[in-house]
């Protein structure tokens, strides 16, 4: 499947599943995943979780033994708005989802 078609399908899935809330309802997000087994079988997702996710504002990574990699979109009072499985996505698609949901990467100055 071509990259453009795959991104289109991911965008359609996100926009279809997000009908219950607006982007402005999003307060934060977290990624829940195991640190080992299932993540090791998904090298693209592992690179996203370990190398990209730490640089996003309002995004937390929680390592839970045996948990499949999922992005959980949170609203006020940590209410879950949406849960997105990351297992079938590559690194670029995982980043694209966060950008489509309105998350920004931290400035290099903010890291110090």
Protein backbone atom coordinates (compact mmCIF):
# COMPACT_ATOMS: atom_id res chain seq x y z
CA UNK A 1 0.00 0.00 0.00
CA UNK A 2 1.43 3.37 -0.93
CA UNK A 3 2.38 5.82 1.78
CA UNK A 4 -0.17 8.42 0.62
CA UNK A 5 -3.04 5.94 0.70
CA UNK A 6 -1.98 4.69 4.14
CA UNK A 7 -1.83 8.25 5.54
CA UNK A 8 -5.24 8.95 4.00
CA UNK A 9 -6.69 5.85 5.69
CA UNK A 10 -5.12 6.78 9.04
CA UNK A 11 -6.55 10.30 8.71
CA UNK A 12 -10.00 8.91 7.88
CA UNK A 13 -9.87 6.57 10.88
CA UNK A 14 -8.80 9.40 13.18
CA UNK A 15 -11.40 11.85 11.93
CA UNK A 16 -14.16 9.20 12.06
CA UNK A 17 -13.27 8.17 15.59
CA UNK A 18 -12.90 11.76 16.77
CA UNK A 19 -16.43 12.86 16.02
CA UNK A 20 -17.32 12.74 19.71
CA UNK A 21 -14.92 15.57 20.64
CA UNK A 22 -13.16 18.60 19.22
CA UNK A 23 -9.41 19.12 19.08
CA UNK A 24 -9.90 21.92 21.62
CA UNK A 25 -11.23 19.31 24.11
CA UNK A 26 -7.81 17.61 24.23
CA UNK A 27 -5.83 18.44 27.34
CA UNK A 28 -3.07 15.83 27.16
CA UNK A 29 -2.25 12.31 26.05
CA UNK A 30 -0.34 9.30 27.20
CA UNK A 31 1.18 6.29 25.55
CA UNK A 32 0.80 3.02 27.42
CA UNK A 33 3.07 0.20 26.28
CA UNK A 34 5.27 -2.54 27.58
CA UNK A 35 8.97 -1.83 27.61
CA UNK A 36 9.93 -5.16 26.07
CA UNK A 37 8.24 -8.03 24.27
CA UNK A 38 5.50 -6.52 22.11
CA UNK A 39 7.42 -3.27 21.63
CA UNK A 40 10.54 -5.18 20.52
CA UNK A 41 8.47 -6.84 17.77
CA UNK A 42 7.45 -3.39 16.49
CA UNK A 43 10.73 -1.59 15.67
CA UNK A 44 9.05 1.46 14.08
CA UNK A 45 6.70 1.96 17.05
CA UNK A 46 9.60 1.40 19.46
CA UNK A 47 11.62 4.16 17.75
CA UNK A 48 8.59 6.47 18.00
CA UNK A 49 8.03 5.70 21.70
CA UNK A 50 11.68 5.92 22.72
CA UNK A 51 13.02 8.63 20.40
CA UNK A 52 10.10 10.85 19.34
CA UNK A 53 7.42 10.76 22.05
CA UNK A 54 9.59 12.33 24.79
CA UNK A 55 9.81 15.51 22.71
CA UNK A 56 6.07 16.19 22.53
CA UNK A 57 4.38 18.65 24.87
CA UNK A 58 1.55 17.28 27.02
CA UNK A 59 2.45 13.66 26.22
CA UNK A 60 3.49 11.11 28.82
CA UNK A 61 4.82 7.60 28.22
CA UNK A 62 3.82 4.95 30.76
CA UNK A 63 5.45 1.53 30.64
CA UNK A 64 3.08 -1.23 31.72
CA UNK A 65 4.18 -4.87 31.60
CA UNK A 66 2.43 -6.71 28.79
CA UNK A 67 0.49 -3.69 27.50
CA UNK A 68 0.19 -3.27 23.73
CA UNK A 69 1.25 0.19 22.49
CA UNK A 70 -1.71 2.59 22.59
CA UNK A 71 -2.11 6.34 22.42
CA UNK A 72 -4.73 7.58 24.86
CA UNK A 73 -6.16 11.04 24.24
CA UNK A 74 -7.27 12.77 27.44
CA UNK A 75 -9.66 15.63 28.17
CA UNK A 76 -10.40 17.52 31.37
CA UNK A 77 -9.95 15.60 34.63
CA UNK A 78 -8.01 12.94 32.67
CA UNK A 79 -11.20 11.69 31.02
CA UNK A 80 -10.36 9.34 28.17
CA UNK A 81 -11.57 10.77 24.86
CA UNK A 82 -10.03 8.22 22.53
CA UNK A 83 -7.73 5.19 22.48
CA UNK A 84 -5.65 4.51 19.36
CA UNK A 85 -3.73 1.26 18.80
CA UNK A 86 -0.23 1.97 17.49
CA UNK A 87 0.71 -1.63 16.62
CA UNK A 88 -0.21 -1.37 12.93
CA UNK A 89 1.44 2.00 12.34
CA UNK A 90 4.94 3.04 11.45
CA UNK A 91 7.00 5.80 13.05
CA UNK A 92 5.87 8.52 10.65
CA UNK A 93 2.21 7.62 11.07
CA UNK A 94 2.52 7.71 14.88
CA UNK A 95 4.01 11.21 14.66
CA UNK A 96 1.34 12.27 12.16
CA UNK A 97 -1.43 11.25 14.56
CA UNK A 98 -0.02 13.46 17.30
CA UNK A 99 0.34 16.38 14.92
CA UNK A 100 -3.22 15.90 13.62
CA UNK A 101 -4.45 15.91 17.23
CA UNK A 102 -2.77 19.26 17.86
CA UNK A 103 0.34 18.18 19.77
CA UNK A 104 3.56 20.11 19.26
CA UNK A 105 7.16 19.14 19.77
CA UNK A 106 9.04 20.92 22.54
CA UNK A 107 11.56 23.57 21.56
CA UNK A 108 15.19 22.56 21.96
CA UNK A 109 15.52 25.43 24.49
CA UNK A 110 12.77 23.87 26.66
CA UNK A 111 14.79 20.68 27.14
CA UNK A 112 17.36 22.31 29.40
